[in-house]
Amino acid sequence: MMKALLKEISSCQVCAPFLEHEPRPVMNASKNSRILVIGQAPGSRVHQTGIPWNDPSGKRLRQWMNISDERFYDPEWIGIVPMGFCYPGKGKSGDLPPRPECAPLWHSRLLEQMPEVELTLLIGQYAQAYYLGENAKRTLTDTVKAYEEYLPAFLPLPHPSPRNGIWLRKNDWFEAEVLPELKKRVARILKN
């Protein structure tokens, strides 16, 4: 079932009319994945390589999780399912938002096939709004600050983009409180 579903997603063309380039869905998942990473959408580099989080944001995310590239890219441990599977293109101030078709079309079907997930990292406002709904706070900062309310199932995080350096400097509680909790939970689940 899971292999057939991943193959179906890989050949998805639903958003093709809205993209400036050929769709290239990027994700990595297994029925055994224990941690699920739900981010926004692939960037241009990820679109080119087909490897999720294969950019400076991914490097920072792996540092936050305190795991190796090998562990991060092993779908038996880490599932990577973005809100939008294809690179949405460039906007005026960075990449466009994830295409809205992907999550409603694929996420529930994928999650049905991933019963071992113990922790879902909700990275950025799109994932948090979709999965937390009315339980999300007014701002991303407030949602991340209230991370304990969403545990043990979800852990909301800001995007690890280098562009978020100002946010990280302004919110030093994130590094002091949230990252140790993230590392502890990841280590326990992966038994590092």
N, C-alpha and C. Protein backbone atom coordinates (compact mmCIF):
# COMPACT_ATOMS: atom_id res chain seq x y z
N MET A 1 0.81 -1.21 0.00
CA MET A 1 0.00 0.00 0.00
C MET A 1 0.85 1.27 0.00
N MET A 2 1.82 1.34 0.94
CA MET A 2 2.62 2.55 1.05
C MET A 2 3.44 2.78 -0.22
N LYS A 3 4.05 1.75 -0.74
CA LYS A 3 4.86 1.92 -1.97
C LYS A 3 4.00 2.41 -3.12
N ALA A 4 2.81 1.87 -3.25
CA ALA A 4 1.90 2.29 -4.33
C ALA A 4 1.48 3.75 -4.13
N LEU A 5 1.23 4.15 -2.88
CA LEU A 5 0.82 5.52 -2.60
C LEU A 5 1.97 6.50 -2.90
N LEU A 6 3.19 6.15 -2.49
CA LEU A 6 4.33 7.02 -2.77
C LEU A 6 4.56 7.15 -4.28
N LYS A 7 4.34 6.08 -5.00
CA LYS A 7 4.48 6.12 -6.46
C LYS A 7 3.41 7.02 -7.07
N GLU A 8 2.20 6.93 -6.54
CA GLU A 8 1.10 7.77 -7.02
C GLU A 8 1.41 9.25 -6.77
N ILE A 9 1.92 9.56 -5.58
CA ILE A 9 2.27 10.94 -5.26
C ILE A 9 3.39 11.43 -6.17
N SER A 10 4.38 10.59 -6.40
CA SER A 10 5.53 10.96 -7.23
C SER A 10 5.13 11.34 -8.65
N SER A 11 4.03 10.79 -9.12
CA SER A 11 3.60 11.10 -10.49
C SER A 11 2.45 12.11 -10.53
N CYS A 12 2.14 12.73 -9.39
CA CYS A 12 1.04 13.69 -9.32
C CYS A 12 1.27 14.89 -10.24
N GLN A 13 0.22 15.29 -10.92
CA GLN A 13 0.27 16.44 -11.82
C GLN A 13 -0.83 17.47 -11.50
N VAL A 14 -1.47 17.33 -10.35
CA VAL A 14 -2.63 18.16 -10.00
C VAL A 14 -2.31 19.66 -10.08
N CYS A 15 -1.13 20.05 -9.60
CA CYS A 15 -0.82 21.48 -9.58
C CYS A 15 -0.07 21.95 -10.83
N ALA A 16 0.14 21.09 -11.79
CA ALA A 16 0.90 21.44 -13.00
C ALA A 16 0.43 22.73 -13.66
N PRO A 17 -0.89 22.98 -13.77
CA PRO A 17 -1.32 24.22 -14.43
C PRO A 17 -0.89 25.50 -13.70
N PHE A 18 -0.52 25.38 -12.44
CA PHE A 18 -0.20 26.56 -11.64
C PHE A 18 1.30 26.78 -11.46
N LEU A 19 2.11 25.86 -11.96
CA LEU A 19 3.56 25.94 -11.77
C LEU A 19 4.25 26.42 -13.05
N GLU A 20 5.36 27.11 -12.87
CA GLU A 20 6.15 27.57 -14.00
C GLU A 20 7.10 26.49 -14.50
N HIS A 21 7.16 25.37 -13.81
CA HIS A 21 8.08 24.29 -14.13
C HIS A 21 7.34 22.96 -14.02
N GLU A 22 7.96 21.89 -14.43
CA GLU A 22 7.38 20.56 -14.33
C GLU A 22 7.23 20.16 -12.86
N PRO A 23 6.08 19.61 -12.45
CA PRO A 23 5.95 19.15 -11.07
C PRO A 23 6.99 18.08 -10.74
N ARG A 24 7.55 18.18 -9.55
CA ARG A 24 8.48 17.17 -9.06
C ARG A 24 8.23 17.00 -7.57
N PRO A 25 7.23 16.18 -7.21
CA PRO A 25 6.93 15.98 -5.79
C PRO A 25 8.15 15.43 -5.03
N VAL A 26 8.45 16.04 -3.90
CA VAL A 26 9.59 15.64 -3.09
C VAL A 26 9.10 15.29 -1.69
N MET A 27 9.30 14.04 -1.31
CA MET A 27 8.98 13.59 0.04
C MET A 27 9.76 12.32 0.30
N ASN A 28 9.72 11.84 1.53
CA ASN A 28 10.44 10.64 1.91
C ASN A 28 9.70 10.05 3.11
N ALA A 29 9.14 8.88 2.97
CA ALA A 29 8.35 8.32 4.07
C ALA A 29 8.31 6.80 3.98
N SER A 30 7.99 6.20 5.09
CA SER A 30 7.86 4.75 5.20
C SER A 30 6.73 4.44 6.17
N LYS A 31 6.19 3.26 6.07
CA LYS A 31 5.17 2.85 7.04
C LYS A 31 5.75 2.73 8.44
N ASN A 32 7.08 2.70 8.54
CA ASN A 32 7.75 2.57 9.84
C ASN A 32 8.27 3.88 10.39
N SER A 33 8.12 4.98 9.67
CA SER A 33 8.65 6.28 10.13
C SER A 33 8.17 6.56 11.55
N ARG A 34 9.08 7.02 12.40
CA ARG A 34 8.76 7.29 13.80
C ARG A 34 8.57 8.78 14.09
N ILE A 35 9.28 9.61 13.31
CA ILE A 35 9.16 11.06 13.43
C ILE A 35 8.74 11.58 12.06
N LEU A 36 7.77 12.48 12.05
CA LEU A 36 7.29 13.05 10.81
C LEU A 36 7.64 14.54 10.77
N VAL A 37 8.29 14.95 9.70
CA VAL A 37 8.67 16.35 9.50
C VAL A 37 7.73 16.93 8.45
N ILE A 38 6.92 17.90 8.86
CA ILE A 38 6.01 18.56 7.93
C ILE A 38 6.44 20.02 7.81
N GLY A 39 7.04 20.34 6.67
CA GLY A 39 7.49 21.69 6.41
C GLY A 39 6.57 22.38 5.42
N GLN A 40 7.09 23.36 4.72
CA GLN A 40 6.28 24.14 3.79
C GLN A 40 6.23 23.48 2.42
N ALA A 41 7.26 23.69 1.62
CA ALA A 41 7.35 23.14 0.27
C ALA A 41 8.82 23.16 -0.12
N PRO A 42 9.20 22.33 -1.07
CA PRO A 42 10.60 22.33 -1.50
C PRO A 42 11.01 23.69 -2.06
N GLY A 43 12.26 24.07 -1.83
CA GLY A 43 12.83 25.24 -2.46
C GLY A 43 13.41 24.86 -3.81
N SER A 44 14.02 25.81 -4.49
CA SER A 44 14.54 25.55 -5.84
C SER A 44 15.65 24.51 -5.84
N ARG A 45 16.53 24.56 -4.83
CA ARG A 45 17.62 23.56 -4.77
C ARG A 45 17.07 22.16 -4.55
N VAL A 46 16.10 22.04 -3.66
CA VAL A 46 15.48 20.73 -3.41
C VAL A 46 14.75 20.26 -4.67
N HIS A 47 14.10 21.18 -5.36
CA HIS A 47 13.42 20.83 -6.61
C HIS A 47 14.43 20.25 -7.61
N GLN A 48 15.60 20.87 -7.70
CA GLN A 48 16.61 20.42 -8.65
C GLN A 48 17.18 19.05 -8.29
N THR A 49 17.41 18.82 -7.00
CA THR A 49 18.06 17.57 -6.58
C THR A 49 17.06 16.45 -6.29
N GLY A 50 15.83 16.82 -5.93
CA GLY A 50 14.86 15.81 -5.53
C GLY A 50 15.10 15.26 -4.13
N ILE A 51 15.98 15.89 -3.37
CA ILE A 51 16.31 15.45 -2.01
C ILE A 51 15.71 16.45 -1.03
N PRO A 52 14.78 16.03 -0.17
CA PRO A 52 14.14 16.98 0.75
C PRO A 52 15.13 17.58 1.75
N TRP A 53 14.92 18.84 2.04
CA TRP A 53 15.73 19.57 3.03
C TRP A 53 17.22 19.52 2.67
N ASN A 54 17.53 19.49 1.39
CA ASN A 54 18.91 19.45 0.91
C ASN A 54 19.41 20.88 0.66
N ASP A 55 19.43 21.67 1.72
CA ASP A 55 19.79 23.08 1.61
C ASP A 55 20.20 23.59 3.00
N PRO A 56 20.58 24.85 3.13
CA PRO A 56 20.98 25.35 4.45
C PRO A 56 19.89 25.21 5.52
N SER A 57 18.63 25.32 5.14
CA SER A 57 17.54 25.12 6.11
C SER A 57 17.57 23.70 6.65
N GLY A 58 17.78 22.75 5.78
CA GLY A 58 17.84 21.35 6.20
C GLY A 58 19.02 21.07 7.11
N LYS A 59 20.14 21.69 6.80
CA LYS A 59 21.32 21.51 7.65
C LYS A 59 21.03 22.02 9.06
N ARG A 60 20.39 23.20 9.15
CA ARG A 60 20.05 23.74 10.47
C ARG A 60 19.02 22.85 11.17
N LEU A 61 18.03 22.35 10.43
CA LEU A 61 17.03 21.48 11.04
C LEU A 61 17.68 20.23 11.62
N ARG A 62 18.61 19.63 10.90
CA ARG A 62 19.30 18.44 11.41
C ARG A 62 20.12 18.78 12.65
N GLN A 63 20.69 19.99 12.69
CA GLN A 63 21.41 20.42 13.90
C GLN A 63 20.43 20.57 15.06
N TRP A 64 19.29 21.19 14.79
CA TRP A 64 18.28 21.33 15.84
C TRP A 64 17.88 19.97 16.40
N MET A 65 17.72 18.99 15.51
CA MET A 65 17.29 17.65 15.93
C MET A 65 18.44 16.83 16.51
N ASN A 66 19.68 17.30 16.28
CA ASN A 66 20.89 16.61 16.72
C ASN A 66 21.00 15.20 16.11
N ILE A 67 20.76 15.14 14.80
CA ILE A 67 20.88 13.85 14.12
C ILE A 67 21.72 14.00 12.85
N SER A 68 22.25 12.87 12.41
CA SER A 68 23.09 12.84 11.22
C SER A 68 22.24 12.90 9.96
N ASP A 69 22.90 13.23 8.86
CA ASP A 69 22.22 13.20 7.57
C ASP A 69 21.69 11.80 7.28
N GLU A 70 22.49 10.79 7.60
CA GLU A 70 22.10 9.41 7.33
C GLU A 70 20.80 9.05 8.06
N ARG A 71 20.71 9.44 9.31
CA ARG A 71 19.50 9.13 10.09
C ARG A 71 18.31 9.93 9.57
N PHE A 72 18.56 11.21 9.26
CA PHE A 72 17.48 12.09 8.79
C PHE A 72 16.88 11.57 7.50
N TYR A 73 17.71 11.05 6.62
CA TYR A 73 17.21 10.60 5.32
C TYR A 73 16.82 9.12 5.29
N ASP A 74 16.80 8.49 6.44
CA ASP A 74 16.36 7.09 6.51
C ASP A 74 14.86 7.10 6.81
N PRO A 75 14.01 6.81 5.82
CA PRO A 75 12.56 6.91 6.03
C PRO A 75 12.03 5.91 7.04
N GLU A 76 12.82 4.91 7.39
CA GLU A 76 12.39 3.98 8.45
C GLU A 76 12.31 4.71 9.78
N TRP A 77 13.01 5.85 9.90
CA TRP A 77 13.00 6.64 11.13
C TRP A 77 12.30 7.98 10.96
N ILE A 78 12.64 8.67 9.86
CA ILE A 78 12.13 10.03 9.65
C ILE A 78 11.30 10.09 8.38
N GLY A 79 10.05 10.49 8.51
CA GLY A 79 9.20 10.74 7.35
C GLY A 79 9.22 12.23 7.04
N ILE A 80 9.31 12.57 5.77
CA ILE A 80 9.35 13.98 5.36
C ILE A 80 8.20 14.20 4.39
N VAL A 81 7.21 14.94 4.85
CA VAL A 81 5.98 15.15 4.07
C VAL A 81 5.64 16.64 4.13
N PRO A 82 6.02 17.42 3.11
CA PRO A 82 5.73 18.85 3.16
C PRO A 82 4.26 19.18 2.92
N MET A 83 3.89 20.39 3.24
CA MET A 83 2.52 20.85 2.96
C MET A 83 2.26 20.90 1.47
N GLY A 84 3.25 21.28 0.71
CA GLY A 84 3.20 21.26 -0.75
C GLY A 84 4.36 20.42 -1.24
N PHE A 85 4.11 19.42 -2.05
CA PHE A 85 5.16 18.50 -2.46
C PHE A 85 6.07 19.05 -3.55
N CYS A 86 5.61 20.04 -4.30
CA CYS A 86 6.39 20.59 -5.40
C CYS A 86 6.83 22.01 -5.11
N TYR A 87 7.95 22.38 -5.70
CA TYR A 87 8.45 23.75 -5.58
C TYR A 87 7.41 24.70 -6.18
N PRO A 88 6.90 25.65 -5.38
CA PRO A 88 5.83 26.52 -5.88
C PRO A 88 6.31 27.67 -6.77
N GLY A 89 7.61 27.94 -6.79
CA GLY A 89 8.14 29.05 -7.58
C GLY A 89 8.48 30.24 -6.70
N LYS A 90 9.05 31.25 -7.34
CA LYS A 90 9.49 32.46 -6.64
C LYS A 90 8.38 33.50 -6.58
N GLY A 91 8.30 34.17 -5.44
CA GLY A 91 7.39 35.29 -5.26
C GLY A 91 8.20 36.57 -5.12
N LYS A 92 7.55 37.64 -4.71
CA LYS A 92 8.23 38.93 -4.57
C LYS A 92 9.26 38.94 -3.46
N SER A 93 8.98 38.22 -2.37
CA SER A 93 9.90 38.23 -1.23
C SER A 93 10.28 36.81 -0.80
N GLY A 94 10.65 36.00 -1.75
CA GLY A 94 11.03 34.61 -1.45
C GLY A 94 10.14 33.64 -2.22
N ASP A 95 10.17 32.40 -1.80
CA ASP A 95 9.36 31.39 -2.47
C ASP A 95 7.87 31.63 -2.21
N LEU A 96 7.07 31.22 -3.17
CA LEU A 96 5.61 31.29 -3.01
C LEU A 96 5.16 30.31 -1.93
N PRO A 97 3.96 30.48 -1.40
CA PRO A 97 3.44 29.53 -0.40
C PRO A 97 3.25 28.14 -1.04
N PRO A 98 3.17 27.11 -0.21
CA PRO A 98 2.90 25.78 -0.74
C PRO A 98 1.57 25.77 -1.49
N ARG A 99 1.50 24.98 -2.54
CA ARG A 99 0.23 24.85 -3.26
C ARG A 99 -0.81 24.26 -2.32
N PRO A 100 -2.03 24.78 -2.33
CA PRO A 100 -3.06 24.34 -1.38
C PRO A 100 -3.66 22.97 -1.70
N GLU A 101 -3.38 22.42 -2.87
CA GLU A 101 -3.99 21.15 -3.25
C GLU A 101 -3.37 19.95 -2.53
N CYS A 102 -2.08 20.02 -2.23
CA CYS A 102 -1.33 18.84 -1.78
C CYS A 102 -1.81 18.25 -0.45
N ALA A 103 -1.80 19.05 0.59
CA ALA A 103 -2.11 18.50 1.92
C ALA A 103 -3.50 17.84 1.96
N PRO A 104 -4.56 18.49 1.49
CA PRO A 104 -5.87 17.83 1.53
C PRO A 104 -5.94 16.56 0.66
N LEU A 105 -5.18 16.57 -0.41
CA LEU A 105 -5.21 15.44 -1.33
C LEU A 105 -4.43 14.23 -0.81
N TRP A 106 -3.29 14.47 -0.16
CA TRP A 106 -2.38 13.37 0.16
C TRP A 106 -2.13 13.10 1.64
N HIS A 107 -2.18 14.10 2.50
CA HIS A 107 -1.72 13.90 3.87
C HIS A 107 -2.48 12.82 4.63
N SER A 108 -3.80 12.85 4.61
CA SER A 108 -4.54 11.85 5.39
C SER A 108 -4.26 10.44 4.88
N ARG A 109 -4.14 10.30 3.58
CA ARG A 109 -3.83 8.98 3.01
C ARG A 109 -2.45 8.50 3.45
N LEU A 110 -1.49 9.42 3.47
CA LEU A 110 -0.15 9.06 3.93
C LEU A 110 -0.15 8.70 5.42
N LEU A 111 -0.79 9.54 6.22
CA LEU A 111 -0.78 9.31 7.66
C LEU A 111 -1.46 7.99 8.04
N GLU A 112 -2.46 7.59 7.28
CA GLU A 112 -3.10 6.29 7.52
C GLU A 112 -2.10 5.15 7.37
N GLN A 113 -1.11 5.36 6.52
CA GLN A 113 -0.10 4.33 6.26
C GLN A 113 1.12 4.45 7.17
N MET A 114 1.10 5.40 8.11
CA MET A 114 2.25 5.66 8.98
C MET A 114 1.86 5.56 10.45
N PRO A 115 1.47 4.37 10.91
CA PRO A 115 0.97 4.22 12.27
C PRO A 115 2.03 4.33 13.37
N GLU A 116 3.30 4.28 13.01
CA GLU A 116 4.37 4.30 14.02
C GLU A 116 4.82 5.70 14.41
N VAL A 117 4.30 6.75 13.74
CA VAL A 117 4.74 8.12 14.03
C VAL A 117 4.42 8.47 15.48
N GLU A 118 5.45 8.89 16.21
CA GLU A 118 5.30 9.28 17.61
C GLU A 118 5.34 10.79 17.80
N LEU A 119 6.01 11.48 16.88
CA LEU A 119 6.17 12.93 17.01
C LEU A 119 6.13 13.54 15.62
N THR A 120 5.35 14.61 15.48
CA THR A 120 5.28 15.34 14.22
C THR A 120 5.80 16.75 14.44
N LEU A 121 6.82 17.11 13.68
CA LEU A 121 7.37 18.46 13.74
C LEU A 121 6.63 19.32 12.74
N LEU A 122 5.96 20.35 13.23
CA LEU A 122 5.19 21.26 12.38
C LEU A 122 6.04 22.50 12.15
N ILE A 123 6.66 22.56 10.98
CA ILE A 123 7.64 23.60 10.70
C ILE A 123 7.00 24.72 9.88
N GLY A 124 6.85 25.86 10.52
CA GLY A 124 6.31 27.03 9.84
C GLY A 124 4.80 27.17 9.98
N GLN A 125 4.32 28.33 9.57
CA GLN A 125 2.92 28.69 9.80
C GLN A 125 1.93 27.84 9.02
N TYR A 126 2.29 27.38 7.83
CA TYR A 126 1.33 26.61 7.02
C TYR A 126 1.03 25.26 7.67
N ALA A 127 2.06 24.57 8.11
CA ALA A 127 1.87 23.28 8.77
C ALA A 127 1.13 23.46 10.09
N GLN A 128 1.49 24.50 10.83
CA GLN A 128 0.84 24.74 12.12
C GLN A 128 -0.63 25.08 11.95
N ALA A 129 -0.95 25.92 10.99
CA ALA A 129 -2.36 26.28 10.76
C ALA A 129 -3.17 25.05 10.33
N TYR A 130 -2.60 24.23 9.47
CA TYR A 130 -3.32 23.07 8.95
C TYR A 130 -3.56 22.03 10.03
N TYR A 131 -2.55 21.74 10.82
CA TYR A 131 -2.65 20.66 11.81
C TYR A 131 -3.16 21.09 13.17
N LEU A 132 -2.93 22.33 13.54
CA LEU A 132 -3.40 22.78 14.86
C LEU A 132 -4.74 23.50 14.78
N GLY A 133 -5.08 24.02 13.60
CA GLY A 133 -6.36 24.68 13.41
C GLY A 133 -6.60 25.77 14.43
N GLU A 134 -7.75 25.71 15.09
CA GLU A 134 -8.11 26.73 16.08
C GLU A 134 -7.22 26.71 17.31
N ASN A 135 -6.47 25.62 17.51
CA ASN A 135 -5.57 25.54 18.65
C ASN A 135 -4.26 26.29 18.43
N ALA A 136 -4.00 26.69 17.19
CA ALA A 136 -2.82 27.52 16.93
C ALA A 136 -3.05 28.89 17.55
N LYS A 137 -1.99 29.49 17.97
CA LYS A 137 -2.09 30.83 18.57
C LYS A 137 -2.15 31.89 17.47
N ARG A 138 -2.24 33.13 17.88
CA ARG A 138 -2.39 34.24 16.94
C ARG A 138 -1.21 34.38 16.00
N THR A 139 0.00 34.12 16.49
CA THR A 139 1.20 34.23 15.67
C THR A 139 2.02 32.95 15.76
N LEU A 140 2.92 32.77 14.81
CA LEU A 140 3.84 31.64 14.85
C LEU A 140 4.66 31.68 16.14
N THR A 141 5.13 32.85 16.51
CA THR A 141 5.92 32.99 17.74
C THR A 141 5.14 32.49 18.94
N ASP A 142 3.89 32.91 19.05
CA ASP A 142 3.06 32.48 20.19
C ASP A 142 2.81 30.97 20.15
N THR A 143 2.63 30.42 18.97
CA THR A 143 2.41 28.97 18.84
C THR A 143 3.65 28.20 19.26
N VAL A 144 4.81 28.61 18.79
CA VAL A 144 6.05 27.92 19.15
C VAL A 144 6.32 28.07 20.65
N LYS A 145 6.03 29.25 21.18
CA LYS A 145 6.25 29.49 22.62
C LYS A 145 5.35 28.58 23.47
N ALA A 146 4.19 28.22 22.95
CA ALA A 146 3.24 27.35 23.67
C ALA A 146 3.43 25.88 23.28
N TYR A 147 4.61 25.52 22.84
CA TYR A 147 4.87 24.17 22.32
C TYR A 147 4.41 23.04 23.24
N GLU A 148 4.50 23.24 24.55
CA GLU A 148 4.14 22.17 25.49
C GLU A 148 2.66 21.79 25.39
N GLU A 149 1.82 22.73 24.94
CA GLU A 149 0.39 22.44 24.80
C GLU A 149 0.12 21.39 23.72
N TYR A 150 1.03 21.25 22.77
CA TYR A 150 0.80 20.38 21.62
C TYR A 150 1.49 19.03 21.74
N LEU A 151 2.34 18.90 22.74
CA LEU A 151 3.02 17.63 22.97
C LEU A 151 2.05 16.62 23.58
N PRO A 152 2.24 15.34 23.37
CA PRO A 152 3.39 14.70 22.76
C PRO A 152 3.27 14.49 21.25
N ALA A 153 2.13 14.77 20.67
CA ALA A 153 1.93 14.47 19.24
C ALA A 153 2.66 15.44 18.33
N PHE A 154 2.57 16.74 18.64
CA PHE A 154 3.12 17.77 17.76
C PHE A 154 4.14 18.64 18.48
N LEU A 155 5.13 19.11 17.71
CA LEU A 155 6.06 20.10 18.22
C LEU A 155 6.21 21.17 17.14
N PRO A 156 5.60 22.35 17.37
CA PRO A 156 5.69 23.43 16.38
C PRO A 156 7.07 24.11 16.43
N LEU A 157 7.60 24.38 15.25
CA LEU A 157 8.91 25.01 15.14
C LEU A 157 8.85 26.14 14.11
N PRO A 158 9.73 27.13 14.25
CA PRO A 158 9.85 28.12 13.18
C PRO A 158 10.59 27.47 12.02
N HIS A 159 10.57 28.10 10.88
CA HIS A 159 11.34 27.56 9.76
C HIS A 159 12.83 27.76 10.05
N PRO A 160 13.65 26.75 9.79
CA PRO A 160 15.08 26.88 10.08
C PRO A 160 15.87 27.63 9.01
N SER A 161 15.20 28.37 8.17
CA SER A 161 15.85 29.12 7.10
C SER A 161 16.86 30.12 7.66
N PRO A 162 17.99 30.31 6.96
CA PRO A 162 18.92 31.36 7.36
C PRO A 162 18.25 32.74 7.40
N ARG A 163 17.16 32.91 6.64
CA ARG A 163 16.42 34.18 6.67
C ARG A 163 15.77 34.44 8.02
N ASN A 164 15.64 33.41 8.85
CA ASN A 164 15.00 33.57 10.16
C ASN A 164 15.99 33.90 11.27
N GLY A 165 17.19 34.31 10.90
CA GLY A 165 18.19 34.65 11.90
C GLY A 165 17.74 35.75 12.85
N ILE A 166 17.04 36.75 12.33
CA ILE A 166 16.55 37.84 13.18
C ILE A 166 15.54 37.30 14.19
N TRP A 167 14.63 36.44 13.72
CA TRP A 167 13.63 35.85 14.63
C TRP A 167 14.33 35.07 15.73
N LEU A 168 15.33 34.27 15.36
CA LEU A 168 16.04 33.45 16.35
C LEU A 168 16.76 34.32 17.37
N ARG A 169 17.36 35.42 16.92
CA ARG A 169 18.05 36.32 17.87
C ARG A 169 17.07 37.02 18.80
N LYS A 170 15.89 37.38 18.27
CA LYS A 170 14.89 38.07 19.09
C LYS A 170 14.19 37.14 20.07
N ASN A 171 14.23 35.85 19.80
CA ASN A 171 13.51 34.87 20.62
C ASN A 171 14.48 33.83 21.17
N ASP A 172 15.39 34.29 22.03
CA ASP A 172 16.42 33.40 22.54
C ASP A 172 15.86 32.27 23.41
N TRP A 173 14.62 32.41 23.88
CA TRP A 173 13.97 31.33 24.63
C TRP A 173 13.83 30.07 23.76
N PHE A 174 13.76 30.24 22.44
CA PHE A 174 13.61 29.09 21.55
C PHE A 174 14.81 28.15 21.70
N GLU A 175 16.00 28.71 21.63
CA GLU A 175 17.20 27.89 21.76
C GLU A 175 17.36 27.35 23.18
N ALA A 176 16.96 28.13 24.16
CA ALA A 176 17.12 27.72 25.56
C ALA A 176 16.09 26.69 26.01
N GLU A 177 14.86 26.77 25.49
CA GLU A 177 13.78 25.91 25.97
C GLU A 177 13.31 24.86 24.96
N VAL A 178 13.04 25.31 23.74
CA VAL A 178 12.41 24.41 22.77
C VAL A 178 13.41 23.42 22.19
N LEU A 179 14.59 23.91 21.80
CA LEU A 179 15.56 22.99 21.18
C LEU A 179 16.00 21.85 22.10
N PRO A 180 16.25 22.09 23.39
CA PRO A 180 16.57 20.95 24.26
C PRO A 180 15.44 19.92 24.32
N GLU A 181 14.19 20.41 24.33
CA GLU A 181 13.04 19.49 24.34
C GLU A 181 12.99 18.69 23.04
N LEU A 182 13.21 19.36 21.92
CA LEU A 182 13.23 18.69 20.63
C LEU A 182 14.31 17.62 20.61
N LYS A 183 15.52 17.96 21.00
CA LYS A 183 16.63 17.00 20.98
C LYS A 183 16.35 15.81 21.90
N LYS A 184 15.80 16.08 23.06
CA LYS A 184 15.50 15.01 24.02
C LYS A 184 14.47 14.04 23.43
N ARG A 185 13.41 14.57 22.85
CA ARG A 185 12.36 13.71 22.29
C ARG A 185 12.86 12.93 21.07
N VAL A 186 13.61 13.58 20.21
CA VAL A 186 14.16 12.89 19.04
C VAL A 186 15.09 11.77 19.49
N ALA A 187 15.96 12.05 20.43
CA ALA A 187 16.91 11.02 20.93
C ALA A 187 16.16 9.85 21.54
N ARG A 188 15.11 10.14 22.30
CA ARG A 188 14.35 9.05 22.93
C ARG A 188 13.67 8.18 21.88
N ILE A 189 13.05 8.81 20.90
CA ILE A 189 12.34 8.05 19.86
C ILE A 189 13.30 7.25 19.01
N LEU A 190 14.44 7.86 18.67
CA LEU A 190 15.41 7.18 17.82
C LEU A 190 16.40 6.36 18.62
N LYS A 191 16.31 6.47 19.95
CA LYS A 191 17.19 5.75 20.87
C LYS A 191 18.66 6.01 20.56
N ASN A 192 18.98 7.29 20.39
CA ASN A 192 20.38 7.69 20.10
C ASN A 192 21.23 7.57 21.35
